[in-house]
Amino acid sequence: MAQDTSQLAELSQFNFSLIYELKVHPQWFIVGETKRSYFYSEGIDFIAPNARFINRKDDIHLDIWPMYDYHPNQTRIQRNSKPILTEYDKNYNWVSSPKQWTFPLQECLFSGIKVWCPAEPEKLVANIYEEISFELASTQCIDGSWVKLHEHTSAETKTTMNSQTISTAQITKAQTTTITLNDNDLIKKALKHIPKCTPNDRSRQRRLLTNLQVWSHLAEQYNLQYWITYGTLVGYVQRRGLLPHDLDVDVIMMSDDTPQLIKLSQSNISSDYEIKVQPQWYIVNETHRSYFREQGIHFVAPNARFIHRKTSQHVDIFPAHDFNPLYANKSIENKQSENLTIYDLRY
């Protein structure tokens, strides 16, 4: 299976034999040999196979071809018609959900900022966090500090923070009046509806919203398909915006779309922002990945980060898979797909 090539990539880094070597195509994750390149300087004189098992002495080799559990020529909409998506839960365990909970994506307002939300945000939050109100209800402002409480309350359509009651209906109404404002004025007005507890809250909240806003513009410019998730999605469900105590912004992209981020990371997209892609993003499990601190890669679970160069605050970009990584080779047995796809003799 194509997704198992990550195992070959790991193996190729070891000196497992004096006679044989394993060469993995650097662009194996790109589906379609016409979109790949040769890397002659690295001994990669092939593009259609994902890898080669080579005799060092005489160059006799065994080609390793990819197989897919979907048809690569199908459109994105067709591919997204498969029944499940799999992502991390709050404890970095794999959790699957019906694909219709996510697609079709819907444009939504998050603290007045236009972003993309899943089709059924409440169901997804409940699936990840067990209680829709978990993240918000368990953290409250007490004596000038954000404190995580052990007791959780059930989800409500309003929240009380800092002795200030704000209903989601009020927040939504306030947001809809800001969509014609410029970016700075929009964030300034949005901040009026976000409670604060500590002296540093407002500046942190402003930076998070600004990062999300810039990411939203970038995604629109380069046609990146994403949706908000984790604490960011909890904030949307609870108050249609930023959780007052949140420390970062979380979005998800289909893991297969990570090459788009790689391409952007190699271009000068902004003097203020950069994209860092985890070099082992194709390895489907954060416990099998490594940190690359010398490259500024201080993360393993997200596939990438959209980072403000000066403050280092970021948008985490997590992967979603249209198969369950726990059963990567068993898509038929688990009824996740009815078809397998390989090259024909004409590629």
C-alpha atoms as a PDB file:
ATOM      1  CA  MET A   1       0.000   0.000   0.000  1.00  0.00           C
ATOM      2  CA  ALA A   2       1.281   3.477  -0.860  1.00  0.00           C
ATOM      3  CA  GLN A   3       0.965   4.709   2.713  1.00  0.00           C
ATOM      4  CA  ASP A   4       3.321   1.930   3.835  1.00  0.00           C
ATOM      5  CA  THR A   5       6.167   3.557   1.889  1.00  0.00           C
ATOM      6  CA  SER A   6       6.915   5.499   5.073  1.00  0.00           C
ATOM      7  CA  GLN A   7       8.230   2.218   6.515  1.00  0.00           C
ATOM      8  CA  LEU A   8      10.591   1.877   3.558  1.00  0.00           C
ATOM      9  CA  ALA A   9      11.742   5.473   4.037  1.00  0.00           C
ATOM     10  CA  GLU A  10      12.683   4.669   7.621  1.00  0.00           C
ATOM     11  CA  LEU A  11      14.428   1.428   6.621  1.00  0.00           C
ATOM     12  CA  SER A  12      16.417   3.135   3.864  1.00  0.00           C
ATOM     13  CA  GLN A  13      18.179   5.239   6.491  1.00  0.00           C
ATOM     14  CA  PHE A  14      19.796   2.160   8.052  1.00  0.00           C
ATOM     15  CA  ASN A  15      22.799   0.196   6.817  1.00  0.00           C
ATOM     16  CA  PHE A  16      20.930  -3.103   6.834  1.00  0.00           C
ATOM     17  CA  SER A  17      23.165  -4.851   4.281  1.00  0.00           C
ATOM     18  CA  LEU A  18      26.575  -4.582   2.612  1.00  0.00           C
ATOM     19  CA  ILE A  19      25.188  -6.061  -0.575  1.00  0.00           C
ATOM     20  CA  TYR A  20      21.771  -4.423  -0.931  1.00  0.00           C
ATOM     21  CA  GLU A  21      20.347  -0.957  -0.510  1.00  0.00           C
ATOM     22  CA  LEU A  22      16.880   0.546  -0.530  1.00  0.00           C
ATOM     23  CA  LYS A  23      16.195   3.701  -2.554  1.00  0.00           C
ATOM     24  CA  VAL A  24      12.921   5.516  -1.889  1.00  0.00           C
ATOM     25  CA  HIS A  25      11.710   8.136  -4.334  1.00  0.00           C
ATOM     26  CA  PRO A  26      11.773  11.510  -2.489  1.00  0.00           C
ATOM     27  CA  GLN A  27       8.368  12.371  -3.995  1.00  0.00           C
ATOM     28  CA  TRP A  28       6.719   9.012  -3.354  1.00  0.00           C
ATOM     29  CA  PHE A  29       3.787  10.766  -1.700  1.00  0.00           C
ATOM     30  CA  ILE A  30       2.906  12.509  -4.982  1.00  0.00           C
ATOM     31  CA  VAL A  31       0.311  10.372  -6.740  1.00  0.00           C
ATOM     32  CA  GLY A  32       1.144  10.164 -10.447  1.00  0.00           C
ATOM     33  CA  GLU A  33       4.551   9.574 -12.013  1.00  0.00           C
ATOM     34  CA  THR A  34       4.122  12.486 -14.437  1.00  0.00           C
ATOM     35  CA  LYS A  35       4.226  14.850 -11.458  1.00  0.00           C
ATOM     36  CA  ARG A  36       7.467  13.423 -10.070  1.00  0.00           C
ATOM     37  CA  SER A  37      11.091  14.261 -10.898  1.00  0.00           C
ATOM     38  CA  TYR A  38      14.309  12.295 -11.259  1.00  0.00           C
ATOM     39  CA  PHE A  39      16.997  12.793  -8.600  1.00  0.00           C
ATOM     40  CA  TYR A  40      20.055  11.442 -10.392  1.00  0.00           C
ATOM     41  CA  SER A  41      22.519  12.845  -7.848  1.00  0.00           C
ATOM     42  CA  GLU A  42      20.845  10.646  -5.225  1.00  0.00           C
ATOM     43  CA  GLY A  43      20.738   7.587  -7.456  1.00  0.00           C
ATOM     44  CA  ILE A  44      17.002   8.003  -8.100  1.00  0.00           C
ATOM     45  CA  ASP A  45      16.714   7.225 -11.825  1.00  0.00           C
ATOM     46  CA  PHE A  46      13.083   6.125 -11.576  1.00  0.00           C
ATOM     47  CA  ILE A  47       9.792   7.945 -11.083  1.00  0.00           C
ATOM     48  CA  ALA A  48       6.917   5.463 -11.336  1.00  0.00           C
ATOM     49  CA  PRO A  49       7.898   2.995  -8.579  1.00  0.00           C
ATOM     50  CA  ASN A  50       7.816   4.296  -5.032  1.00  0.00           C
ATOM     51  CA  ALA A  51      11.088   2.545  -4.195  1.00  0.00           C
ATOM     52  CA  ARG A  52      13.754   0.105  -5.392  1.00  0.00           C
ATOM     53  CA  PHE A  53      15.594  -2.705  -3.625  1.00  0.00           C
ATOM     54  CA  ILE A  54      18.994  -2.693  -5.366  1.00  0.00           C
ATOM     55  CA  ASN A  55      22.013  -4.994  -5.538  1.00  0.00           C
ATOM     56  CA  ARG A  56      24.942  -2.580  -5.067  1.00  0.00           C
ATOM     57  CA  LYS A  57      27.306  -4.680  -7.214  1.00  0.00           C
ATOM     58  CA  ASP A  58      25.371  -5.233 -10.422  1.00  0.00           C
ATOM     59  CA  ASP A  59      22.423  -2.805 -10.031  1.00  0.00           C
ATOM     60  CA  ILE A  60      19.906  -5.618 -10.485  1.00  0.00           C
ATOM     61  CA  HIS A  61      16.853  -4.403  -8.635  1.00  0.00           C
ATOM     62  CA  LEU A  62      13.349  -5.130  -7.449  1.00  0.00           C
ATOM     63  CA  ASP A  63      10.830  -2.354  -8.200  1.00  0.00           C
ATOM     64  CA  ILE A  64       8.362  -1.561  -5.432  1.00  0.00           C
ATOM     65  CA  TRP A  65       5.149  -0.153  -6.882  1.00  0.00           C
ATOM     66  CA  PRO A  66       2.375   1.723  -5.021  1.00  0.00           C
ATOM     67  CA  MET A  67      -1.197   0.547  -4.556  1.00  0.00           C
ATOM     68  CA  TYR A  68      -3.985   2.905  -3.462  1.00  0.00           C
ATOM     69  CA  ASP A  69      -7.320   2.306  -1.781  1.00  0.00           C
ATOM     70  CA  TYR A  70      -8.913   5.016  -3.940  1.00  0.00           C
ATOM     71  CA  HIS A  71      -8.688   5.973  -7.604  1.00  0.00           C
ATOM     72  CA  PRO A  72      -6.198   8.858  -8.019  1.00  0.00           C
ATOM     73  CA  ASN A  73      -8.094  10.200 -11.051  1.00  0.00           C
ATOM     74  CA  GLN A  74     -11.200  10.830  -8.995  1.00  0.00           C
ATOM     75  CA  THR A  75     -11.995  14.389  -8.038  1.00  0.00           C
ATOM     76  CA  ARG A  76     -11.574  15.625  -4.474  1.00  0.00           C
ATOM     77  CA  ILE A  77     -15.337  15.503  -3.992  1.00  0.00           C
ATOM     78  CA  GLN A  78     -15.468  11.891  -5.155  1.00  0.00           C
ATOM     79  CA  ARG A  79     -12.551  10.927  -2.938  1.00  0.00           C
ATOM     80  CA  ASN A  80     -14.185  12.616   0.031  1.00  0.00           C
ATOM     81  CA  SER A  81     -17.251  10.433  -0.422  1.00  0.00           C
ATOM     82  CA  LYS A  82     -15.553   7.590   1.442  1.00  0.00           C
ATOM     83  CA  PRO A  83     -17.098   6.880   4.819  1.00  0.00           C
ATOM     84  CA  ILE A  84     -14.509   7.864   7.430  1.00  0.00           C
ATOM     85  CA  LEU A  85     -11.816  10.325   8.366  1.00  0.00           C
ATOM     86  CA  THR A  86      -9.250   9.629  11.079  1.00  0.00           C
ATOM     87  CA  GLU A  87      -7.412  12.191  13.204  1.00  0.00           C
ATOM     88  CA  TYR A  88      -5.855  12.482  16.645  1.00  0.00           C
ATOM     89  CA  ASP A  89      -8.029  12.850  19.726  1.00  0.00           C
ATOM     90  CA  LYS A  90      -7.010  15.034  22.700  1.00  0.00           C
ATOM     91  CA  ASN A  91      -4.589  12.315  23.892  1.00  0.00           C
ATOM     92  CA  TYR A  92      -2.990  11.756  20.456  1.00  0.00           C
ATOM     93  CA  ASN A  93      -4.846   8.509  19.929  1.00  0.00           C
ATOM     94  CA  TRP A  94      -6.459   7.852  16.564  1.00  0.00           C
ATOM     95  CA  VAL A  95     -10.180   8.555  16.416  1.00  0.00           C
ATOM     96  CA  SER A  96     -12.399   8.075  13.357  1.00  0.00           C
ATOM     97  CA  SER A  97     -15.609   9.834  12.429  1.00  0.00           C
ATOM     98  CA  PRO A  98     -18.090   9.674   9.539  1.00  0.00           C
ATOM     99  CA  LYS A  99     -16.822  11.750   6.663  1.00  0.00           C
ATOM    100  CA  GLN A 100     -20.148  13.578   6.416  1.00  0.00           C
ATOM    101  CA  TRP A 101     -19.422  15.170   9.790  1.00  0.00           C
ATOM    102  CA  THR A 102     -16.573  17.041   8.079  1.00  0.00           C
ATOM    103  CA  PHE A 103     -17.587  17.410   4.428  1.00  0.00           C
ATOM    104  CA  PRO A 104     -18.839  19.468   2.769  1.00  0.00           C
ATOM    105  CA  LEU A 105     -16.882  22.175   4.568  1.00  0.00           C
ATOM    106  CA  GLN A 106     -18.767  25.339   5.414  1.00  0.00           C
ATOM    107  CA  GLU A 107     -17.486  28.882   5.576  1.00  0.00           C
ATOM    108  CA  CYS A 108     -17.966  30.271   9.072  1.00  0.00           C
ATOM    109  CA  LEU A 109     -17.078  33.283  11.199  1.00  0.00           C
ATOM    110  CA  PHE A 110     -14.599  32.716  14.012  1.00  0.00           C
ATOM    111  CA  SER A 111     -14.340  35.886  16.115  1.00  0.00           C
ATOM    112  CA  GLY A 112     -15.369  37.683  12.939  1.00  0.00           C
ATOM    113  CA  ILE A 113     -12.696  35.997  10.785  1.00  0.00           C
ATOM    114  CA  LYS A 114     -13.817  33.961   7.783  1.00  0.00           C
ATOM    115  CA  VAL A 115     -12.510  30.414   8.138  1.00  0.00           C
ATOM    116  CA  TRP A 116     -13.602  26.929   7.122  1.00  0.00           C
ATOM    117  CA  CYS A 117     -15.508  24.738   9.555  1.00  0.00           C
ATOM    118  CA  PRO A 118     -16.563  21.085   9.354  1.00  0.00           C
ATOM    119  CA  ALA A 119     -20.143  20.292   8.422  1.00  0.00           C
ATOM    120  CA  GLU A 120     -21.039  18.993  11.921  1.00  0.00           C
ATOM    121  CA  PRO A 121     -18.720  20.793  14.374  1.00  0.00           C
ATOM    122  CA  GLU A 122     -20.647  19.815  17.508  1.00  0.00           C
ATOM    123  CA  LYS A 123     -20.473  16.107  16.672  1.00  0.00           C
ATOM    124  CA  LEU A 124     -16.762  16.265  15.939  1.00  0.00           C
ATOM    125  CA  VAL A 125     -15.985  18.082  19.195  1.00  0.00           C
ATOM    126  CA  ALA A 126     -18.026  15.555  21.142  1.00  0.00           C
ATOM    127  CA  ASN A 127     -16.184  12.736  19.342  1.00  0.00           C
ATOM    128  CA  ILE A 128     -12.756  14.167  20.217  1.00  0.00           C
ATOM    129  CA  TYR A 129     -13.408  15.542  23.692  1.00  0.00           C
ATOM    130  CA  GLU A 130     -16.308  13.344  24.864  1.00  0.00           C
ATOM    131  CA  GLU A 131     -18.002  16.429  26.284  1.00  0.00           C
ATOM    132  CA  ILE A 132     -18.615  19.412  24.024  1.00  0.00           C
ATOM    133  CA  SER A 133     -17.939  21.777  26.912  1.00  0.00           C
ATOM    134  CA  PHE A 134     -14.763  20.044  28.088  1.00  0.00           C
ATOM    135  CA  GLU A 135     -12.112  22.564  27.116  1.00  0.00           C
ATOM    136  CA  LEU A 136     -14.071  25.662  28.083  1.00  0.00           C
ATOM    137  CA  ALA A 137     -15.850  24.440  31.194  1.00  0.00           C
ATOM    138  CA  SER A 138     -12.709  22.965  32.723  1.00  0.00           C
ATOM    139  CA  THR A 139     -10.735  26.227  32.579  1.00  0.00           C
ATOM    140  CA  GLN A 140     -11.915  29.298  34.472  1.00  0.00           C
ATOM    141  CA  CYS A 141     -10.534  32.605  35.688  1.00  0.00           C
ATOM    142  CA  ILE A 142      -9.851  32.397  39.419  1.00  0.00           C
ATOM    143  CA  ASP A 143      -7.992  35.146  41.294  1.00  0.00           C
ATOM    144  CA  GLY A 144      -6.368  36.512  38.153  1.00  0.00           C
ATOM    145  CA  SER A 145      -5.219  33.165  36.713  1.00  0.00           C
ATOM    146  CA  TRP A 146      -6.628  30.609  34.308  1.00  0.00           C
ATOM    147  CA  VAL A 147      -7.261  27.451  36.328  1.00  0.00           C
ATOM    148  CA  LYS A 148      -8.188  24.044  34.914  1.00  0.00           C
ATOM    149  CA  LEU A 149     -10.929  22.524  37.049  1.00  0.00           C
ATOM    150  CA  HIS A 150     -11.565  18.826  37.552  1.00  0.00           C
ATOM    151  CA  GLU A 151     -15.325  19.079  37.465  1.00  0.00           C
ATOM    152  CA  HIS A 152     -16.933  19.549  34.046  1.00  0.00           C
ATOM    153  CA  THR A 153     -20.364  20.865  33.221  1.00  0.00           C
ATOM    154  CA  SER A 154     -22.581  19.917  30.304  1.00  0.00           C
ATOM    155  CA  ALA A 155     -22.616  21.961  27.121  1.00  0.00           C
ATOM    156  CA  GLU A 156     -24.697  25.119  27.122  1.00  0.00           C
ATOM    157  CA  THR A 157     -25.358  27.817  24.586  1.00  0.00           C
ATOM    158  CA  LYS A 158     -23.801  30.433  26.852  1.00  0.00           C
ATOM    159  CA  THR A 159     -20.606  30.710  28.895  1.00  0.00           C
ATOM    160  CA  THR A 160     -19.689  32.636  32.025  1.00  0.00           C
ATOM    161  CA  MET A 161     -16.124  33.909  32.208  1.00  0.00           C
ATOM    162  CA  ASN A 162     -14.790  36.662  34.470  1.00  0.00           C
ATOM    163  CA  SER A 163     -18.323  37.318  35.756  1.00  0.00           C
ATOM    164  CA  GLN A 164     -19.311  38.187  32.202  1.00  0.00           C
ATOM    165  CA  THR A 165     -22.143  36.264  30.505  1.00  0.00           C
ATOM    166  CA  ILE A 166     -22.062  36.137  26.713  1.00  0.00           C
ATOM    167  CA  SER A 167     -24.488  34.081  24.656  1.00  0.00           C
ATOM    168  CA  THR A 168     -23.420  32.573  21.352  1.00  0.00           C
ATOM    169  CA  ALA A 169     -26.321  34.349  19.694  1.00  0.00           C
ATOM    170  CA  GLN A 170     -24.959  37.696  20.901  1.00  0.00           C
ATOM    171  CA  ILE A 171     -21.448  36.820  19.732  1.00  0.00           C
ATOM    172  CA  THR A 172     -22.663  35.734  16.307  1.00  0.00           C
ATOM    173  CA  LYS A 173     -24.682  38.927  15.925  1.00  0.00           C
ATOM    174  CA  ALA A 174     -21.688  41.026  16.928  1.00  0.00           C
ATOM    175  CA  GLN A 175     -19.461  39.218  14.426  1.00  0.00           C
ATOM    176  CA  THR A 176     -21.776  39.691  11.473  1.00  0.00           C
ATOM    177  CA  THR A 177     -21.516  43.442  11.894  1.00  0.00           C
ATOM    178  CA  THR A 178     -17.722  43.371  11.484  1.00  0.00           C
ATOM    179  CA  ILE A 179     -17.289  41.621   8.153  1.00  0.00           C
ATOM    180  CA  THR A 180     -16.952  44.902   6.204  1.00  0.00           C
ATOM    181  CA  LEU A 181     -14.201  46.241   8.493  1.00  0.00           C
ATOM    182  CA  ASN A 182     -10.518  46.056   7.602  1.00  0.00           C
ATOM    183  CA  ASP A 183      -8.412  43.355   9.223  1.00  0.00           C
ATOM    184  CA  ASN A 184      -7.119  45.418  12.146  1.00  0.00           C
ATOM    185  CA  ASP A 185     -10.487  46.940  12.995  1.00  0.00           C
ATOM    186  CA  LEU A 186     -12.144  43.528  12.746  1.00  0.00           C
ATOM    187  CA  ILE A 187      -9.777  42.024  15.311  1.00  0.00           C
ATOM    188  CA  LYS A 188     -10.038  45.067  17.552  1.00  0.00           C
ATOM    189  CA  LYS A 189     -13.808  44.733  17.644  1.00  0.00           C
ATOM    190  CA  ALA A 190     -13.656  40.943  18.112  1.00  0.00           C
ATOM    191  CA  LEU A 191     -11.428  41.343  21.164  1.00  0.00           C
ATOM    192  CA  LYS A 192     -14.139  43.326  22.926  1.00  0.00           C
ATOM    193  CA  HIS A 193     -16.179  40.113  23.126  1.00  0.00           C
ATOM    194  CA  ILE A 194     -13.350  37.887  24.450  1.00  0.00           C
ATOM    195  CA  PRO A 195     -12.948  37.882  28.262  1.00  0.00           C
ATOM    196  CA  LYS A 196      -9.501  38.375  29.765  1.00  0.00           C
ATOM    197  CA  CYS A 197      -8.076  37.220  33.080  1.00  0.00           C
ATOM    198  CA  THR A 198      -4.351  37.976  33.153  1.00  0.00           C
ATOM    199  CA  PRO A 199      -2.433  41.113  32.093  1.00  0.00           C
ATOM    200  CA  ASN A 200      -0.993  39.293  29.066  1.00  0.00           C
ATOM    201  CA  ASP A 201      -4.276  37.875  27.773  1.00  0.00           C
ATOM    202  CA  ARG A 202      -5.202  40.653  25.397  1.00  0.00           C
ATOM    203  CA  SER A 203      -1.872  40.751  23.543  1.00  0.00           C
ATOM    204  CA  ARG A 204      -1.859  36.937  23.250  1.00  0.00           C
ATOM    205  CA  GLN A 205      -5.438  36.860  21.991  1.00  0.00           C
ATOM    206  CA  ARG A 206      -4.661  39.555  19.446  1.00  0.00           C
ATOM    207  CA  ARG A 207      -1.647  37.629  18.109  1.00  0.00           C
ATOM    208  CA  LEU A 208      -3.632  34.386  17.838  1.00  0.00           C
ATOM    209  CA  LEU A 209      -6.457  36.030  15.902  1.00  0.00           C
ATOM    210  CA  THR A 210      -3.976  37.829  13.654  1.00  0.00           C
ATOM    211  CA  ASN A 211      -2.182  34.556  12.902  1.00  0.00           C
ATOM    212  CA  LEU A 212      -5.474  32.861  12.044  1.00  0.00           C
ATOM    213  CA  GLN A 213      -6.493  35.776   9.871  1.00  0.00           C
ATOM    214  CA  VAL A 214      -3.222  35.718   7.902  1.00  0.00           C
ATOM    215  CA  TRP A 215      -3.468  31.926   7.544  1.00  0.00           C
ATOM    216  CA  SER A 216      -7.026  32.274   6.267  1.00  0.00           C
ATOM    217  CA  HIS A 217      -5.902  34.740   3.603  1.00  0.00           C
ATOM    218  CA  LEU A 218      -2.989  32.496   2.593  1.00  0.00           C
ATOM    219  CA  ALA A 219      -5.218  29.419   2.336  1.00  0.00           C
ATOM    220  CA  GLU A 220      -7.646  31.322   0.141  1.00  0.00           C
ATOM    221  CA  GLN A 221      -4.848  32.642  -2.072  1.00  0.00           C
ATOM    222  CA  TYR A 222      -3.304  29.207  -2.642  1.00  0.00           C
ATOM    223  CA  ASN A 223      -6.507  27.144  -2.555  1.00  0.00           C
ATOM    224  CA  LEU A 224      -5.557  25.169   0.547  1.00  0.00           C
ATOM    225  CA  GLN A 225      -8.376  23.030   1.896  1.00  0.00           C
ATOM    226  CA  TYR A 226      -8.433  23.097   5.703  1.00  0.00           C
ATOM    227  CA  TRP A 227     -10.827  23.298   8.625  1.00  0.00           C
ATOM    228  CA  ILE A 228     -10.481  24.371  12.253  1.00  0.00           C
ATOM    229  CA  THR A 229     -10.143  21.691  14.915  1.00  0.00           C
ATOM    230  CA  TYR A 230      -9.370  20.853  18.580  1.00  0.00           C
ATOM    231  CA  GLY A 231      -9.431  23.854  20.945  1.00  0.00           C
ATOM    232  CA  THR A 232     -10.127  26.215  18.069  1.00  0.00           C
ATOM    233  CA  LEU A 233     -13.187  24.190  17.070  1.00  0.00           C
ATOM    234  CA  VAL A 234     -14.295  23.978  20.711  1.00  0.00           C
ATOM    235  CA  GLY A 235     -14.141  27.773  20.807  1.00  0.00           C
ATOM    236  CA  TYR A 236     -16.300  27.963  17.700  1.00  0.00           C
ATOM    237  CA  VAL A 237     -18.876  25.555  19.124  1.00  0.00           C
ATOM    238  CA  GLN A 238     -18.974  27.273  22.507  1.00  0.00           C
ATOM    239  CA  ARG A 239     -18.708  30.956  21.669  1.00  0.00           C
ATOM    240  CA  ARG A 240     -18.218  31.257  17.902  1.00  0.00           C
ATOM    241  CA  GLY A 241     -14.680  32.416  18.492  1.00  0.00           C
ATOM    242  CA  LEU A 242     -11.433  32.190  20.421  1.00  0.00           C
ATOM    243  CA  LEU A 243     -11.342  30.487  23.795  1.00  0.00           C
ATOM    244  CA  PRO A 244     -10.082  33.228  26.138  1.00  0.00           C
ATOM    245  CA  HIS A 245      -7.285  31.042  27.552  1.00  0.00           C
ATOM    246  CA  ASP A 246      -6.208  29.292  24.341  1.00  0.00           C
ATOM    247  CA  LEU A 247      -2.488  29.292  23.566  1.00  0.00           C
ATOM    248  CA  ASP A 248      -2.487  28.390  19.862  1.00  0.00           C
ATOM    249  CA  VAL A 249      -4.666  27.874  16.805  1.00  0.00           C
ATOM    250  CA  ASP A 250      -5.371  24.410  15.394  1.00  0.00           C
ATOM    251  CA  VAL A 251      -6.415  23.488  11.861  1.00  0.00           C
ATOM    252  CA  ILE A 252      -6.505  20.227   9.923  1.00  0.00           C
ATOM    253  CA  MET A 253      -5.642  19.375   6.332  1.00  0.00           C
ATOM    254  CA  MET A 254      -5.862  16.051   4.545  1.00  0.00           C
ATOM    255  CA  SER A 255      -2.431  14.475   4.928  1.00  0.00           C
ATOM    256  CA  ASP A 256      -2.281  13.899   1.157  1.00  0.00           C
ATOM    257  CA  ASP A 257      -2.304  17.692   0.701  1.00  0.00           C
ATOM    258  CA  THR A 258       0.927  18.208   2.682  1.00  0.00           C
ATOM    259  CA  PRO A 259       2.998  18.487  -0.545  1.00  0.00           C
ATOM    260  CA  GLN A 260       1.195  21.789  -1.159  1.00  0.00           C
ATOM    261  CA  LEU A 261       2.632  23.046   2.128  1.00  0.00           C
ATOM    262  CA  ILE A 262       6.089  21.749   1.218  1.00  0.00           C
ATOM    263  CA  LYS A 263       5.983  23.759  -1.994  1.00  0.00           C
ATOM    264  CA  LEU A 264       4.872  26.893  -0.135  1.00  0.00           C
ATOM    265  CA  SER A 265       7.541  26.406   2.544  1.00  0.00           C
ATOM    266  CA  GLN A 266      10.195  26.601  -0.168  1.00  0.00           C
ATOM    267  CA  SER A 267       8.961  29.969  -1.413  1.00  0.00           C
ATOM    268  CA  ASN A 268       9.151  33.352   0.263  1.00  0.00           C
ATOM    269  CA  ILE A 269       5.472  33.694   1.111  1.00  0.00           C
ATOM    270  CA  SER A 270       5.957  36.483   3.649  1.00  0.00           C
ATOM    271  CA  SER A 271       8.604  38.458   5.491  1.00  0.00           C
ATOM    272  CA  ASP A 272       6.647  37.962   8.725  1.00  0.00           C
ATOM    273  CA  TYR A 273       5.529  34.320   8.438  1.00  0.00           C
ATOM    274  CA  GLU A 274       6.984  30.978   7.428  1.00  0.00           C
ATOM    275  CA  ILE A 275       5.726  27.412   7.020  1.00  0.00           C
ATOM    276  CA  LYS A 276       7.690  24.602   8.667  1.00  0.00           C
ATOM    277  CA  VAL A 277       6.832  21.081   7.485  1.00  0.00           C
ATOM    278  CA  GLN A 278       7.757  18.102   9.670  1.00  0.00           C
ATOM    279  CA  PRO A 279      10.303  16.182   7.503  1.00  0.00           C
ATOM    280  CA  GLN A 280       8.700  12.875   8.512  1.00  0.00           C
ATOM    281  CA  TRP A 281       5.126  14.049   7.903  1.00  0.00           C
ATOM    282  CA  TYR A 282       4.481  10.948   5.779  1.00  0.00           C
ATOM    283  CA  ILE A 283       5.057   8.680   8.802  1.00  0.00           C
ATOM    284  CA  VAL A 284       1.561   8.051  10.090  1.00  0.00           C
ATOM    285  CA  ASN A 285       2.173   8.171  13.830  1.00  0.00           C
ATOM    286  CA  GLU A 286       3.749  10.921  15.888  1.00  0.00           C
ATOM    287  CA  THR A 287       5.509   8.408  18.162  1.00  0.00           C
ATOM    288  CA  HIS A 288       7.579   7.260  15.175  1.00  0.00           C
ATOM    289  CA  ARG A 289       8.673  10.767  14.219  1.00  0.00           C
ATOM    290  CA  SER A 290      11.699  12.734  15.424  1.00  0.00           C
ATOM    291  CA  TYR A 291      12.371  16.356  16.295  1.00  0.00           C
ATOM    292  CA  PHE A 292      14.614  18.317  13.934  1.00  0.00           C
ATOM    293  CA  ARG A 293      15.460  21.209  16.216  1.00  0.00           C
ATOM    294  CA  GLU A 294      18.343  22.486  14.083  1.00  0.00           C
ATOM    295  CA  GLN A 295      15.742  23.097  11.340  1.00  0.00           C
ATOM    296  CA  GLY A 296      13.315  24.741  13.748  1.00  0.00           C
ATOM    297  CA  ILE A 297      11.094  21.640  13.859  1.00  0.00           C
ATOM    298  CA  HIS A 298      10.060  21.500  17.532  1.00  0.00           C
ATOM    299  CA  PHE A 299       6.958  19.418  16.894  1.00  0.00           C
ATOM    300  CA  VAL A 300       6.087  15.859  15.897  1.00  0.00           C
ATOM    301  CA  ALA A 301       2.289  15.505  15.941  1.00  0.00           C
ATOM    302  CA  PRO A 302       1.331  18.290  13.506  1.00  0.00           C
ATOM    303  CA  ASN A 303       2.351  17.815   9.885  1.00  0.00           C
ATOM    304  CA  ALA A 304       3.307  21.482   9.672  1.00  0.00           C
ATOM    305  CA  ARG A 305       3.218  24.864  11.395  1.00  0.00           C
ATOM    306  CA  PHE A 306       2.444  28.338  10.119  1.00  0.00           C
ATOM    307  CA  ILE A 307       4.747  30.462  12.261  1.00  0.00           C
ATOM    308  CA  HIS A 308       5.143  34.156  12.990  1.00  0.00           C
ATOM    309  CA  ARG A 309       8.889  34.675  12.651  1.00  0.00           C
ATOM    310  CA  LYS A 310       9.196  37.279  15.426  1.00  0.00           C
ATOM    311  CA  THR A 311       6.921  35.882  18.151  1.00  0.00           C
ATOM    312  CA  SER A 312       7.101  32.160  17.197  1.00  0.00           C
ATOM    313  CA  GLN A 313       3.348  31.916  17.811  1.00  0.00           C
ATOM    314  CA  HIS A 314       1.820  29.591  15.310  1.00  0.00           C
ATOM    315  CA  VAL A 315      -1.047  27.778  13.674  1.00  0.00           C
ATOM    316  CA  ASP A 316      -0.661  24.013  14.097  1.00  0.00           C
ATOM    317  CA  ILE A 317      -1.618  22.069  10.953  1.00  0.00           C
ATOM    318  CA  PHE A 318      -2.638  18.533  11.889  1.00  0.00           C
ATOM    319  CA  PRO A 319      -3.244  15.624   9.480  1.00  0.00           C
ATOM    320  CA  ALA A 320      -6.489  13.827   8.685  1.00  0.00           C
ATOM    321  CA  HIS A 321      -6.469  10.480   6.876  1.00  0.00           C
ATOM    322  CA  ASP A 322      -9.151   8.790   4.818  1.00  0.00           C
ATOM    323  CA  PHE A 323      -8.107   5.445   6.284  1.00  0.00           C
ATOM    324  CA  ASN A 324      -7.545   4.306   9.840  1.00  0.00           C
ATOM    325  CA  PRO A 325      -3.770   4.224  10.486  1.00  0.00           C
ATOM    326  CA  LEU A 326      -4.257   1.355  12.911  1.00  0.00           C
ATOM    327  CA  TYR A 327      -5.474  -0.754   9.980  1.00  0.00           C
ATOM    328  CA  ALA A 328      -3.490   0.768   7.140  1.00  0.00           C
ATOM    329  CA  ASN A 329      -3.265  -2.562   5.318  1.00  0.00           C
ATOM    330  CA  LYS A 330      -6.788  -3.690   6.091  1.00  0.00           C
ATOM    331  CA  SER A 331      -9.036  -1.189   4.356  1.00  0.00           C
ATOM    332  CA  ILE A 332     -11.110  -3.925   2.712  1.00  0.00           C
ATOM    333  CA  GLU A 333     -11.599  -5.915   5.893  1.00  0.00           C
ATOM    334  CA  ASN A 334     -12.637  -2.737   7.688  1.00  0.00           C
ATOM    335  CA  LYS A 335     -14.909  -1.708   4.816  1.00  0.00           C
ATOM    336  CA  GLN A 336     -13.180   1.656   4.443  1.00  0.00           C
ATOM    337  CA  SER A 337     -12.909   1.238   0.687  1.00  0.00           C
ATOM    338  CA  GLU A 338     -14.064  -1.319  -1.866  1.00  0.00           C
ATOM    339  CA  ASN A 339     -11.393  -0.683  -4.498  1.00  0.00           C
ATOM    340  CA  LEU A 340      -7.620  -0.816  -4.771  1.00  0.00           C
ATOM    341  CA  THR A 341      -5.766   1.063  -7.494  1.00  0.00           C
ATOM    342  CA  ILE A 342      -2.383   0.341  -9.079  1.00  0.00           C
ATOM    343  CA  TYR A 343      -0.636   1.440 -12.279  1.00  0.00           C
ATOM    344  CA  ASP A 344      -1.421  -0.402 -15.487  1.00  0.00           C
ATOM    345  CA  LEU A 345       1.452  -1.355 -17.819  1.00  0.00           C
ATOM    346  CA  ARG A 346       1.286   2.065 -19.485  1.00  0.00           C
ATOM    347  CA  TYR A 347       1.451   3.846 -16.099  1.00  0.00           C
END
